[in-house]
C-alpha atoms as a PDB file:
ATOM      1  CA  MET A   1      28.026  -6.517   9.687  1.00  0.00           C
ATOM      2  CA  VAL A   2      25.262  -5.607   7.296  1.00  0.00           C
ATOM      3  CA  SER A   3      22.043  -7.363   9.151  1.00  0.00           C
ATOM      4  CA  SER A   4      20.180  -9.042   6.017  1.00  0.00           C
ATOM      5  CA  SER A   5      16.830  -7.492   6.894  1.00  0.00           C
ATOM      6  CA  TRP A   6      18.185  -4.377   4.527  1.00  0.00           C
ATOM      7  CA  PHE A   7      18.115  -6.705   1.737  1.00  0.00           C
ATOM      8  CA  PHE A   8      14.685  -7.921   2.801  1.00  0.00           C
ATOM      9  CA  LEU A   9      13.537  -4.367   2.447  1.00  0.00           C
ATOM     10  CA  ALA A  10      14.899  -3.413  -0.718  1.00  0.00           C
ATOM     11  CA  ALA A  11      13.712  -6.674  -2.446  1.00  0.00           C
ATOM     12  CA  MET A  12      10.217  -5.858  -0.768  1.00  0.00           C
ATOM     13  CA  ILE A  13      10.267  -2.559  -2.211  1.00  0.00           C
ATOM     14  CA  GLY A  14      10.887  -3.642  -5.892  1.00  0.00           C
ATOM     15  CA  ALA A  15       8.093  -6.558  -5.495  1.00  0.00           C
ATOM     16  CA  TYR A  16       5.440  -4.428  -3.998  1.00  0.00           C
ATOM     17  CA  GLY A  17       5.531  -1.954  -6.911  1.00  0.00           C
ATOM     18  CA  VAL A  18       5.504  -4.519  -9.475  1.00  0.00           C
ATOM     19  CA  ALA A  19       2.522  -6.336  -7.803  1.00  0.00           C
ATOM     20  CA  ASN A  20       0.744  -2.224  -7.464  1.00  0.00           C
ATOM     21  CA  LEU A  21       1.370  -2.406 -11.266  1.00  0.00           C
ATOM     22  CA  LEU A  22      -0.234  -5.813 -11.996  1.00  0.00           C
ATOM     23  CA  GLN A  23      -3.401  -5.405  -9.494  1.00  0.00           C
ATOM     24  CA  SER A  24      -4.196  -1.981 -10.938  1.00  0.00           C
ATOM     25  CA  VAL A  25      -4.416  -3.472 -14.332  1.00  0.00           C
ATOM     26  CA  ALA A  26      -6.916  -6.183 -13.723  1.00  0.00           C
ATOM     27  CA  ALA A  27      -8.920  -4.267 -11.267  1.00  0.00           C
ATOM     28  CA  ALA A  28      -9.038  -1.880 -14.477  1.00  0.00           C
ATOM     29  CA  ARG A  29     -10.652  -4.917 -16.353  1.00  0.00           C
ATOM     30  CA  THR A  30     -13.458  -5.725 -13.561  1.00  0.00           C
ATOM     31  CA  THR A  31     -16.691  -4.349 -13.483  1.00  0.00           C
ATOM     32  CA  VAL A  32     -16.925  -1.536 -10.661  1.00  0.00           C
ATOM     33  CA  HIS A  33     -18.431  -2.661  -7.351  1.00  0.00           C
ATOM     34  CA  HIS A  34     -20.053  -0.294  -5.122  1.00  0.00           C
ATOM     35  CA  THR A  35     -20.292  -2.878  -2.407  1.00  0.00           C
ATOM     36  CA  LEU A  36     -18.026  -4.071   0.351  1.00  0.00           C
ATOM     37  CA  ASP A  37     -18.252  -7.597  -1.835  1.00  0.00           C
ATOM     38  CA  PRO A  38     -15.958 -10.024  -1.102  1.00  0.00           C
ATOM     39  CA  ALA A  39     -16.940 -11.319  -4.549  1.00  0.00           C
ATOM     40  CA  LEU A  40     -14.684  -8.862  -5.957  1.00  0.00           C
ATOM     41  CA  LEU A  41     -11.293 -10.737  -4.922  1.00  0.00           C
ATOM     42  CA  LEU A  42     -12.642 -13.827  -6.664  1.00  0.00           C
ATOM     43  CA  ARG A  43     -13.270 -12.161  -9.811  1.00  0.00           C
ATOM     44  CA  LEU A  44     -10.030 -10.331  -9.815  1.00  0.00           C
ATOM     45  CA  ALA A  45      -8.666 -13.937  -9.407  1.00  0.00           C
ATOM     46  CA  GLY A  46      -9.501 -14.872 -12.837  1.00  0.00           C
ATOM     47  CA  HIS A  47      -7.542 -12.848 -14.192  1.00  0.00           C
ATOM     48  CA  ARG A  48      -3.686 -14.223 -14.460  1.00  0.00           C
ATOM     49  CA  THR A  49      -2.625 -10.541 -14.440  1.00  0.00           C
ATOM     50  CA  TYR A  50      -3.899 -10.042 -10.894  1.00  0.00           C
ATOM     51  CA  LEU A  51      -2.884 -13.329  -9.776  1.00  0.00           C
ATOM     52  CA  VAL A  52       0.675 -12.644 -10.345  1.00  0.00           C
ATOM     53  CA  GLY A  53       0.520  -9.343  -9.087  1.00  0.00           C
ATOM     54  CA  VAL A  54      -0.945 -11.224  -5.760  1.00  0.00           C
ATOM     55  CA  SER A  55       1.875 -13.533  -5.800  1.00  0.00           C
ATOM     56  CA  CYS A  56       4.407 -10.300  -6.016  1.00  0.00           C
ATOM     57  CA  GLN A  57       2.386  -8.903  -3.101  1.00  0.00           C
ATOM     58  CA  PHE A  58       2.463 -12.354  -1.294  1.00  0.00           C
ATOM     59  CA  LEU A  59       6.590 -12.129  -1.993  1.00  0.00           C
ATOM     60  CA  GLY A  60       6.758  -8.589  -0.790  1.00  0.00           C
ATOM     61  CA  PHE A  61       4.546  -9.436   2.274  1.00  0.00           C
ATOM     62  CA  ILE A  62       7.207 -12.065   2.834  1.00  0.00           C
ATOM     63  CA  LEU A  63       9.983  -9.716   2.457  1.00  0.00           C
ATOM     64  CA  ALA A  64       8.287  -7.278   4.587  1.00  0.00           C
ATOM     65  CA  PHE A  65       7.883  -9.684   7.933  1.00  0.00           C
ATOM     66  CA  LEU A  66      11.533 -10.955   7.485  1.00  0.00           C
ATOM     67  CA  ALA A  67      12.753  -6.644   7.706  1.00  0.00           C
ATOM     68  CA  ARG A  68      10.447  -6.372  10.736  1.00  0.00           C
ATOM     69  CA  ARG A  69      12.710  -8.498  12.518  1.00  0.00           C
ATOM     70  CA  ASP A  70      15.455  -6.006  13.120  1.00  0.00           C
ATOM     71  CA  LEU A  71      14.171  -2.918  11.380  1.00  0.00           C
ATOM     72  CA  PRO A  72      11.961  -0.082  12.834  1.00  0.00           C
ATOM     73  CA  LEU A  73       8.057   0.001  11.773  1.00  0.00           C
ATOM     74  CA  PHE A  74       8.748   3.542  10.975  1.00  0.00           C
ATOM     75  CA  LEU A  75      11.298   2.364   8.035  1.00  0.00           C
ATOM     76  CA  VAL A  76       9.494  -0.768   6.615  1.00  0.00           C
ATOM     77  CA  GLN A  77       5.887   1.354   6.520  1.00  0.00           C
ATOM     78  CA  ALA A  78       7.342   4.171   4.791  1.00  0.00           C
ATOM     79  CA  SER A  79       9.800   2.308   2.074  1.00  0.00           C
ATOM     80  CA  VAL A  80       6.314   0.544   1.557  1.00  0.00           C
ATOM     81  CA  ALA A  81       5.440   3.634  -0.212  1.00  0.00           C
ATOM     82  CA  ALA A  82       8.315   3.588  -2.554  1.00  0.00           C
ATOM     83  CA  GLY A  83       7.151   0.827  -4.394  1.00  0.00           C
ATOM     84  CA  LEU A  84       4.806   3.246  -5.308  1.00  0.00           C
ATOM     85  CA  GLY A  85       7.907   4.657  -7.551  1.00  0.00           C
ATOM     86  CA  VAL A  86       8.692   1.263  -8.926  1.00  0.00           C
ATOM     87  CA  THR A  87       4.803   1.290  -9.830  1.00  0.00           C
ATOM     88  CA  VAL A  88       4.546   4.485 -11.649  1.00  0.00           C
ATOM     89  CA  VAL A  89       8.107   3.850 -13.602  1.00  0.00           C
ATOM     90  CA  PHE A  90       6.842   0.601 -15.131  1.00  0.00           C
ATOM     91  CA  GLY A  91       3.273   2.231 -15.289  1.00  0.00           C
ATOM     92  CA  VAL A  92       5.159   4.910 -17.759  1.00  0.00           C
ATOM     93  CA  LEU A  93       7.348   2.487 -19.604  1.00  0.00           C
ATOM     94  CA  GLY A  94       4.937  -0.162 -20.089  1.00  0.00           C
ATOM     95  CA  LEU A  95       1.361   1.501 -20.087  1.00  0.00           C
ATOM     96  CA  LYS A  96       2.159   4.753 -21.475  1.00  0.00           C
ATOM     97  CA  TRP A  97       1.078   6.552 -18.684  1.00  0.00           C
ATOM     98  CA  ARG A  98       1.562  10.406 -18.287  1.00  0.00           C
ATOM     99  CA  LEU A  99       2.449  11.901 -15.099  1.00  0.00           C
ATOM    100  CA  PRO A 100       2.016  15.823 -14.627  1.00  0.00           C
ATOM    101  CA  ARG A 101       5.356  17.391 -13.347  1.00  0.00           C
ATOM    102  CA  SER A 102       3.722  17.709  -9.707  1.00  0.00           C
ATOM    103  CA  GLU A 103       3.707  13.760  -9.288  1.00  0.00           C
ATOM    104  CA  VAL A 104       7.145  13.735 -10.713  1.00  0.00           C
ATOM    105  CA  ALA A 105       8.560  15.654  -8.434  1.00  0.00           C
ATOM    106  CA  LEU A 106       6.457  14.418  -5.160  1.00  0.00           C
ATOM    107  CA  LEU A 107       8.009  11.140  -6.413  1.00  0.00           C
ATOM    108  CA  ALA A 108      11.401  12.161  -6.277  1.00  0.00           C
ATOM    109  CA  LEU A 109      10.479  13.704  -3.022  1.00  0.00           C
ATOM    110  CA  LEU A 110       9.503  10.676  -1.657  1.00  0.00           C
ATOM    111  CA  VAL A 111      12.748   9.321  -3.059  1.00  0.00           C
ATOM    112  CA  THR A 112      14.659  12.002  -0.532  1.00  0.00           C
ATOM    113  CA  GLY A 113      12.494  10.840   2.404  1.00  0.00           C
ATOM    114  CA  ILE A 114      13.108   7.130   2.151  1.00  0.00           C
ATOM    115  CA  THR A 115      16.968   8.165   2.288  1.00  0.00           C
ATOM    116  CA  ALA A 116      16.568  10.034   5.257  1.00  0.00           C
ATOM    117  CA  LEU A 117      15.005   7.124   7.305  1.00  0.00           C
ATOM    118  CA  VAL A 118      17.153   4.505   5.913  1.00  0.00           C
ATOM    119  CA  LEU A 119      20.195   7.090   7.481  1.00  0.00           C
ATOM    120  CA  ALA A 120      18.130   7.238  10.907  1.00  0.00           C
ATOM    121  CA  ALA A 121      16.898   3.569  11.465  1.00  0.00           C
ATOM    122  CA  ARG A 122      18.880   1.503  14.231  1.00  0.00           C
ATOM    123  CA  PRO A 123      17.999  -2.037  13.643  1.00  0.00           C
ATOM    124  CA  ALA A 124      16.481  -3.341  16.872  1.00  0.00           C
ATOM    125  CA  PRO A 125      14.676  -6.644  18.047  1.00  0.00           C
ATOM    126  CA  SER A 126      11.068  -6.168  18.653  1.00  0.00           C
ATOM    127  CA  ARG A 127       9.336  -6.277  22.135  1.00  0.00           C
ATOM    128  CA  HIS A 128       6.253  -8.208  22.863  1.00  0.00           C
ATOM    129  CA  LEU A 129       2.679  -6.794  22.646  1.00  0.00           C
ATOM    130  CA  GLY A 130       0.758  -7.653  25.314  1.00  0.00           C
ATOM    131  CA  MET A 131      -3.209  -8.981  25.274  1.00  0.00           C
ATOM    132  CA  SER A 132      -4.319  -5.403  25.676  1.00  0.00           C
ATOM    133  CA  GLY A 133      -2.585  -4.919  22.309  1.00  0.00           C
ATOM    134  CA  VAL A 134      -4.392  -7.961  20.698  1.00  0.00           C
ATOM    135  CA  VAL A 135      -7.805  -6.502  21.621  1.00  0.00           C
ATOM    136  CA  ILE A 136      -6.921  -3.266  20.150  1.00  0.00           C
ATOM    137  CA  LEU A 137      -6.081  -4.633  17.074  1.00  0.00           C
ATOM    138  CA  VAL A 138      -9.127  -6.840  17.209  1.00  0.00           C
ATOM    139  CA  VAL A 139     -11.051  -3.567  17.433  1.00  0.00           C
ATOM    140  CA  VAL A 140      -9.305  -2.226  14.509  1.00  0.00           C
ATOM    141  CA  LEU A 141     -10.322  -4.598  12.068  1.00  0.00           C
ATOM    142  CA  VAL A 142     -14.101  -4.183  13.325  1.00  0.00           C
ATOM    143  CA  VAL A 143     -13.954  -0.475  12.495  1.00  0.00           C
ATOM    144  CA  VAL A 144     -11.881  -0.651   9.385  1.00  0.00           C
ATOM    145  CA  GLY A 145     -14.555  -2.825   8.183  1.00  0.00           C
ATOM    146  CA  GLY A 146     -17.646  -0.760   9.305  1.00  0.00           C
ATOM    147  CA  LEU A 147     -15.820   2.212   7.585  1.00  0.00           C
ATOM    148  CA  GLY A 148     -15.607   0.302   4.558  1.00  0.00           C
ATOM    149  CA  PHE A 149     -18.711  -0.546   4.342  1.00  0.00           C
ATOM    150  CA  PHE A 150     -19.762   3.535   4.029  1.00  0.00           C
ATOM    151  CA  ALA A 151     -16.591   4.339   1.973  1.00  0.00           C
ATOM    152  CA  VAL A 152     -17.420   2.129  -0.873  1.00  0.00           C
ATOM    153  CA  GLY A 153     -20.047   4.619  -1.881  1.00  0.00           C
ATOM    154  CA  PHE A 154     -17.345   7.253  -3.145  1.00  0.00           C
ATOM    155  CA  ARG A 155     -16.709   6.993  -6.808  1.00  0.00           C
ATOM    156  CA  GLY A 156     -13.268   8.763  -8.277  1.00  0.00           C
ATOM    157  CA  SER A 157     -10.466   9.799  -6.773  1.00  0.00           C
ATOM    158  CA  VAL A 158     -12.293  10.520  -3.960  1.00  0.00           C
ATOM    159  CA  GLY A 159     -12.927   6.820  -3.749  1.00  0.00           C
ATOM    160  CA  SER A 160      -9.850   5.870  -4.615  1.00  0.00           C
ATOM    161  CA  VAL A 161      -7.895   7.825  -1.770  1.00  0.00           C
ATOM    162  CA  ALA A 162     -10.765   6.986   1.085  1.00  0.00           C
ATOM    163  CA  LEU A 163     -10.793   3.429   0.343  1.00  0.00           C
ATOM    164  CA  GLY A 164      -6.719   3.427  -0.258  1.00  0.00           C
ATOM    165  CA  ALA A 165      -6.418   4.860   3.618  1.00  0.00           C
ATOM    166  CA  LEU A 166      -8.759   2.371   4.767  1.00  0.00           C
ATOM    167  CA  ALA A 167      -6.538  -0.505   3.042  1.00  0.00           C
ATOM    168  CA  GLY A 168      -3.803   1.336   4.685  1.00  0.00           C
ATOM    169  CA  MET A 169      -4.680   1.398   8.309  1.00  0.00           C
ATOM    170  CA  ALA A 170      -5.873  -2.531   7.724  1.00  0.00           C
ATOM    171  CA  PHE A 171      -2.308  -3.090   6.495  1.00  0.00           C
ATOM    172  CA  SER A 172      -0.682  -0.797   9.192  1.00  0.00           C
ATOM    173  CA  ALA A 173      -2.487  -2.957  12.095  1.00  0.00           C
ATOM    174  CA  ALA A 174      -1.118  -6.131   9.980  1.00  0.00           C
ATOM    175  CA  ALA A 175       2.204  -4.676  10.442  1.00  0.00           C
ATOM    176  CA  VAL A 176       2.006  -3.734  14.129  1.00  0.00           C
ATOM    177  CA  ALA A 177       1.083  -7.572  14.604  1.00  0.00           C
ATOM    178  CA  ALA A 178       3.822  -8.694  12.239  1.00  0.00           C
ATOM    179  CA  ARG A 179       6.670  -6.434  14.224  1.00  0.00           C
ATOM    180  CA  PRO A 180       6.142  -8.807  17.518  1.00  0.00           C
ATOM    181  CA  LEU A 181       5.262 -12.281  15.765  1.00  0.00           C
ATOM    182  CA  ALA A 182       8.659 -12.036  13.171  1.00  0.00           C
ATOM    183  CA  SER A 183      10.498 -12.809  16.828  1.00  0.00           C
ATOM    184  CA  ALA A 184       8.668 -15.568  17.804  1.00  0.00           C
ATOM    185  CA  ASP A 185      11.681 -18.284  19.289  1.00  0.00           C
ATOM    186  CA  SER A 186       9.923 -21.202  17.852  1.00  0.00           C
ATOM    187  CA  PHE A 187       7.505 -22.264  15.052  1.00  0.00           C
ATOM    188  CA  SER A 188       4.708 -23.594  17.671  1.00  0.00           C
ATOM    189  CA  ASP A 189       4.816 -19.888  19.367  1.00  0.00           C
ATOM    190  CA  PHE A 190       4.275 -18.640  15.981  1.00  0.00           C
ATOM    191  CA  VAL A 191       1.217 -20.486  14.887  1.00  0.00           C
ATOM    192  CA  THR A 192      -0.663 -20.557  18.281  1.00  0.00           C
ATOM    193  CA  ASP A 193      -0.104 -16.585  18.603  1.00  0.00           C
ATOM    194  CA  PRO A 194      -3.061 -14.710  18.052  1.00  0.00           C
ATOM    195  CA  LEU A 195      -1.042 -11.898  16.020  1.00  0.00           C
ATOM    196  CA  LEU A 196      -0.728 -14.261  13.094  1.00  0.00           C
ATOM    197  CA  TYR A 197      -4.653 -14.559  12.726  1.00  0.00           C
ATOM    198  CA  LEU A 198      -5.238 -10.895  13.342  1.00  0.00           C
ATOM    199  CA  LEU A 199      -2.282 -10.214  10.620  1.00  0.00           C
ATOM    200  CA  LEU A 200      -3.846 -12.537   8.330  1.00  0.00           C
ATOM    201  CA  ALA A 201      -7.579 -11.287   8.908  1.00  0.00           C
ATOM    202  CA  HIS A 202      -6.009  -7.249   8.453  1.00  0.00           C
ATOM    203  CA  SER A 203      -4.206  -7.909   5.520  1.00  0.00           C
ATOM    204  CA  LEU A 204      -7.232 -10.194   4.063  1.00  0.00           C
ATOM    205  CA  VAL A 205      -9.114  -6.857   4.495  1.00  0.00           C
ATOM    206  CA  GLY A 206      -6.758  -4.531   3.619  1.00  0.00           C
ATOM    207  CA  GLN A 207      -6.370  -6.475   0.342  1.00  0.00           C
ATOM    208  CA  LEU A 208     -10.020  -5.953  -0.652  1.00  0.00           C
ATOM    209  CA  LEU A 209     -10.288  -2.709   0.103  1.00  0.00           C
ATOM    210  CA  LEU A 210      -7.287  -1.538  -2.141  1.00  0.00           C
ATOM    211  CA  GLY A 211      -8.798  -3.890  -4.772  1.00  0.00           C
ATOM    212  CA  LEU A 212     -11.988  -1.566  -4.667  1.00  0.00           C
ATOM    213  CA  ALA A 213      -9.679   1.503  -4.394  1.00  0.00           C
ATOM    214  CA  MET A 214      -8.052   0.540  -7.656  1.00  0.00           C
ATOM    215  CA  GLN A 215     -11.383  -0.101  -9.648  1.00  0.00           C
ATOM    216  CA  ARG A 216     -11.864   3.824  -8.587  1.00  0.00           C
ATOM    217  CA  GLY A 217      -9.626   4.716 -11.395  1.00  0.00           C
ATOM    218  CA  SER A 218      -6.536   6.415  -9.750  1.00  0.00           C
ATOM    219  CA  THR A 219      -3.351   3.744  -8.965  1.00  0.00           C
ATOM    220  CA  THR A 220      -1.040   6.516  -7.928  1.00  0.00           C
ATOM    221  CA  ALA A 221      -4.022   8.232  -5.515  1.00  0.00           C
ATOM    222  CA  ALA A 222      -5.335   4.629  -3.993  1.00  0.00           C
ATOM    223  CA  VAL A 223      -1.727   3.720  -3.369  1.00  0.00           C
ATOM    224  CA  ALA A 224      -0.490   6.849  -1.769  1.00  0.00           C
ATOM    225  CA  ALA A 225      -3.315   7.190   0.375  1.00  0.00           C
ATOM    226  CA  MET A 226      -3.006   3.470   1.410  1.00  0.00           C
ATOM    227  CA  ASP A 227       0.968   4.399   2.846  1.00  0.00           C
ATOM    228  CA  ALA A 228      -0.094   7.591   4.118  1.00  0.00           C
ATOM    229  CA  ALA A 229      -2.811   6.274   6.530  1.00  0.00           C
ATOM    230  CA  GLY A 230      -0.509   3.165   7.307  1.00  0.00           C
ATOM    231  CA  ALA A 231       2.858   4.614   8.171  1.00  0.00           C
ATOM    232  CA  VAL A 232       1.762   7.150  11.044  1.00  0.00           C
ATOM    233  CA  PRO A 233      -0.049   4.736  13.099  1.00  0.00           C
ATOM    234  CA  ALA A 234       2.522   1.893  12.761  1.00  0.00           C
ATOM    235  CA  ALA A 235       5.957   4.424  13.476  1.00  0.00           C
ATOM    236  CA  ILE A 236       3.912   5.652  16.806  1.00  0.00           C
ATOM    237  CA  VAL A 237       3.268   2.403  17.770  1.00  0.00           C
ATOM    238  CA  GLY A 238       6.403   0.843  16.793  1.00  0.00           C
ATOM    239  CA  LEU A 239       8.667   3.791  19.092  1.00  0.00           C
ATOM    240  CA  LEU A 240       6.399   3.826  21.745  1.00  0.00           C
ATOM    241  CA  PHE A 241       5.542   0.062  22.675  1.00  0.00           C
ATOM    242  CA  LEU A 242       7.587  -2.193  20.441  1.00  0.00           C
ATOM    243  CA  GLY A 243      11.170  -1.002  20.934  1.00  0.00           C
ATOM    244  CA  ASP A 244      12.025   0.819  17.579  1.00  0.00           C
ATOM    245  CA  ARG A 245      14.862   2.406  17.609  1.00  0.00           C
ATOM    246  CA  ILE A 246      17.048   5.499  15.904  1.00  0.00           C
ATOM    247  CA  TRP A 247      20.741   6.198  15.906  1.00  0.00           C
ATOM    248  CA  PRO A 248      21.576   8.881  18.647  1.00  0.00           C
ATOM    249  CA  GLY A 249      21.802  12.284  17.253  1.00  0.00           C
ATOM    250  CA  ARG A 250      19.843  11.541  14.119  1.00  0.00           C
ATOM    251  CA  GLU A 251      16.457  11.997  15.669  1.00  0.00           C
ATOM    252  CA  TRP A 252      16.106  14.967  13.563  1.00  0.00           C
ATOM    253  CA  LEU A 253      16.858  13.011  10.574  1.00  0.00           C
ATOM    254  CA  ALA A 254      14.502  10.802  10.875  1.00  0.00           C
ATOM    255  CA  ALA A 255      11.839  13.234  11.846  1.00  0.00           C
ATOM    256  CA  ILE A 256      12.654  15.429   8.555  1.00  0.00           C
ATOM    257  CA  GLY A 257      12.607  12.407   6.584  1.00  0.00           C
ATOM    258  CA  PHE A 258       9.621  10.696   7.805  1.00  0.00           C
ATOM    259  CA  LEU A 259       8.079  14.238   7.450  1.00  0.00           C
ATOM    260  CA  ILE A 260       9.262  14.445   3.641  1.00  0.00           C
ATOM    261  CA  THR A 261       7.720  10.783   2.820  1.00  0.00           C
ATOM    262  CA  LEU A 262       4.723  11.807   4.301  1.00  0.00           C
ATOM    263  CA  THR A 263       4.013  15.044   2.259  1.00  0.00           C
ATOM    264  CA  SER A 264       5.257  13.284  -0.751  1.00  0.00           C
ATOM    265  CA  VAL A 265       2.496  10.098  -0.241  1.00  0.00           C
ATOM    266  CA  ILE A 266      -0.491  12.906   0.955  1.00  0.00           C
ATOM    267  CA  GLY A 267       0.719  15.212  -2.257  1.00  0.00           C
ATOM    268  CA  LEU A 268       0.272  11.959  -4.436  1.00  0.00           C
ATOM    269  CA  THR A 269      -3.317  11.731  -3.159  1.00  0.00           C
ATOM    270  CA  ARG A 270      -4.290  15.300  -4.563  1.00  0.00           C
ATOM    271  CA  TYR A 271      -2.126  15.331  -7.862  1.00  0.00           C
ATOM    272  CA  ALA A 272      -3.427  12.092  -8.932  1.00  0.00           C
ATOM    273  CA  GLU A 273      -5.203  11.175 -12.071  1.00  0.00           C
ATOM    274  CA  PRO A 274      -7.264   8.404 -12.957  1.00  0.00           C
ATOM    275  CA  GLN A 275      -4.948   5.809 -15.271  1.00  0.00           C
ATOM    276  CA  HIS A 276      -8.161   3.550 -16.370  1.00  0.00           C
ATOM    277  CA  HIS A 277     -11.771   3.525 -17.395  1.00  0.00           C
ATOM    278  CA  HIS A 278     -14.351   1.276 -16.362  1.00  0.00           C
ATOM    279  CA  GLU A 279     -17.183  -0.481 -18.097  1.00  0.00           C
ATOM    280  CA  VAL A 280     -20.060  -0.260 -15.428  1.00  0.00           C
ATOM    281  CA  ALA A 281     -22.837  -2.427 -15.693  1.00  0.00           C
ATOM    282  CA  GLY A 282     -22.674  -3.533 -19.427  1.00  0.00           C
ATOM    283  CA  ARG A 283     -22.658   0.581 -20.114  1.00  0.00           C
ATOM    284  CA  HIS A 284     -19.096   2.425 -21.333  1.00  0.00           C
ATOM    285  CA  ARG A 285     -18.484   6.088 -20.149  1.00  0.00           C
ATOM    286  CA  ALA A 286     -17.019   7.976 -22.733  1.00  0.00           C
ATOM    287  CA  PRO A 287     -14.441  10.119 -21.414  1.00  0.00           C
ATOM    288  CA  ASP A 288     -14.387  13.541 -21.334  1.00  0.00           C
ATOM    289  CA  PRO A 289     -12.033  15.163 -23.843  1.00  0.00           C
ATOM    290  CA  VAL A 290     -10.368  17.706 -21.780  1.00  0.00           C
ATOM    291  CA  GLN A 291      -9.851  16.946 -18.111  1.00  0.00           C
ATOM    292  CA  ARG A 292      -9.644  19.844 -15.380  1.00  0.00           C
ATOM    293  CA  GLY A 293      -8.635  21.762 -18.376  1.00  0.00           C
ATOM    294  CA  ARG A 294      -4.837  19.507 -18.000  1.00  0.00           C
ATOM    295  CA  GLY A 295      -5.537  18.212 -21.843  1.00  0.00           C
ATOM    296  CA  PRO A 296      -6.594  14.799 -23.209  1.00  0.00           C
ATOM    297  CA  VAL A 297      -6.779  12.042 -20.966  1.00  0.00           C
ATOM    298  CA  LEU A 298      -5.607   8.525 -21.843  1.00  0.00           C
ATOM    299  CA  ARG A 299      -8.041   6.044 -23.925  1.00  0.00           C
ATOM    300  CA  THR A 300      -8.431   3.169 -23.202  1.00  0.00           C
ATOM    301  CA  VAL A 301      -8.530  -0.474 -24.732  1.00  0.00           C
ATOM    302  CA  GLY A 302      -9.841  -3.342 -22.809  1.00  0.00           C
ATOM    303  CA  GLY A 303      -9.620  -0.963 -19.783  1.00  0.00           C
ATOM    304  CA  VAL A 304      -6.022  -0.607 -19.772  1.00  0.00           C
ATOM    305  CA  ALA A 305      -4.260   2.407 -20.383  1.00  0.00           C
ATOM    306  CA  GLY A 306      -2.078   2.800 -23.565  1.00  0.00           C
ATOM    307  CA  GLY A 307      -3.400  -1.178 -24.725  1.00  0.00           C
ATOM    308  CA  ARG A 308      -4.447  -4.829 -24.163  1.00  0.00           C
ATOM    309  CA  VAL A 309      -3.036  -6.813 -21.460  1.00  0.00           C
ATOM    310  CA  PRO A 310      -3.146 -10.567 -22.454  1.00  0.00           C
ATOM    311  CA  ARG A 311      -4.724 -12.684 -19.716  1.00  0.00           C
END
């Protein structure tokens, strides 16, 4: 009998893809922040587009949580990256994003890697995470938050990659907390488990860092950096400590699939171009007519490539 976790995984990919797109649109219409200011989330919450995007992300979060009950972290975390493909498809169709051929090829490579991981993953329940694991997750939360204070000083695609990578580390830690938490025996055990509150804390920090990353201009760079930084730690922890499993004889397929997936998302951080231009502190930055010799950049109306999205 096919585990319901597979259906949760497929729905999660679609939900995260739509969430990335809608939050990117809202971030492009909000004044760029150059400090780690939680008020950014309040500003973004003033956009209905962002609220719908957050709703989709919350749905994706729930679906991912349910998928992690049986599926290994290396598969679930890598599959989150597949949501980037959904984001790009809707961005091209709805917002008229223009993608270089290199980015299209990398997205195709991403699909190939995810397919290999699906074929290699073996559903299995999680092991429990001891108190030492809880302490490590607390330390990671402090370190990621501290690095975020420095990373907000980066601008452009570099800022998108740096902040997106930190967001990925936060979401990776949240995934590690979620895997054993999803196997809680009762509701009482669920709400009293410190992993629940670490999961929420890491998710909130990751959400703030992702919003800042998207403001720097490149949605694909921000999301790809997030996926690349988030996939590896969760995969290692899952396989070594949480009981993640691979079908016997398919270890090579899992290794190749993970390598292809990681290569594609890292490649996307290199080739992604900014899709948005912002108004900063009341001043309009005129886009360069030619960007790195690759042709005209997209002009924006109301901060959104291709047109204005109603609030």
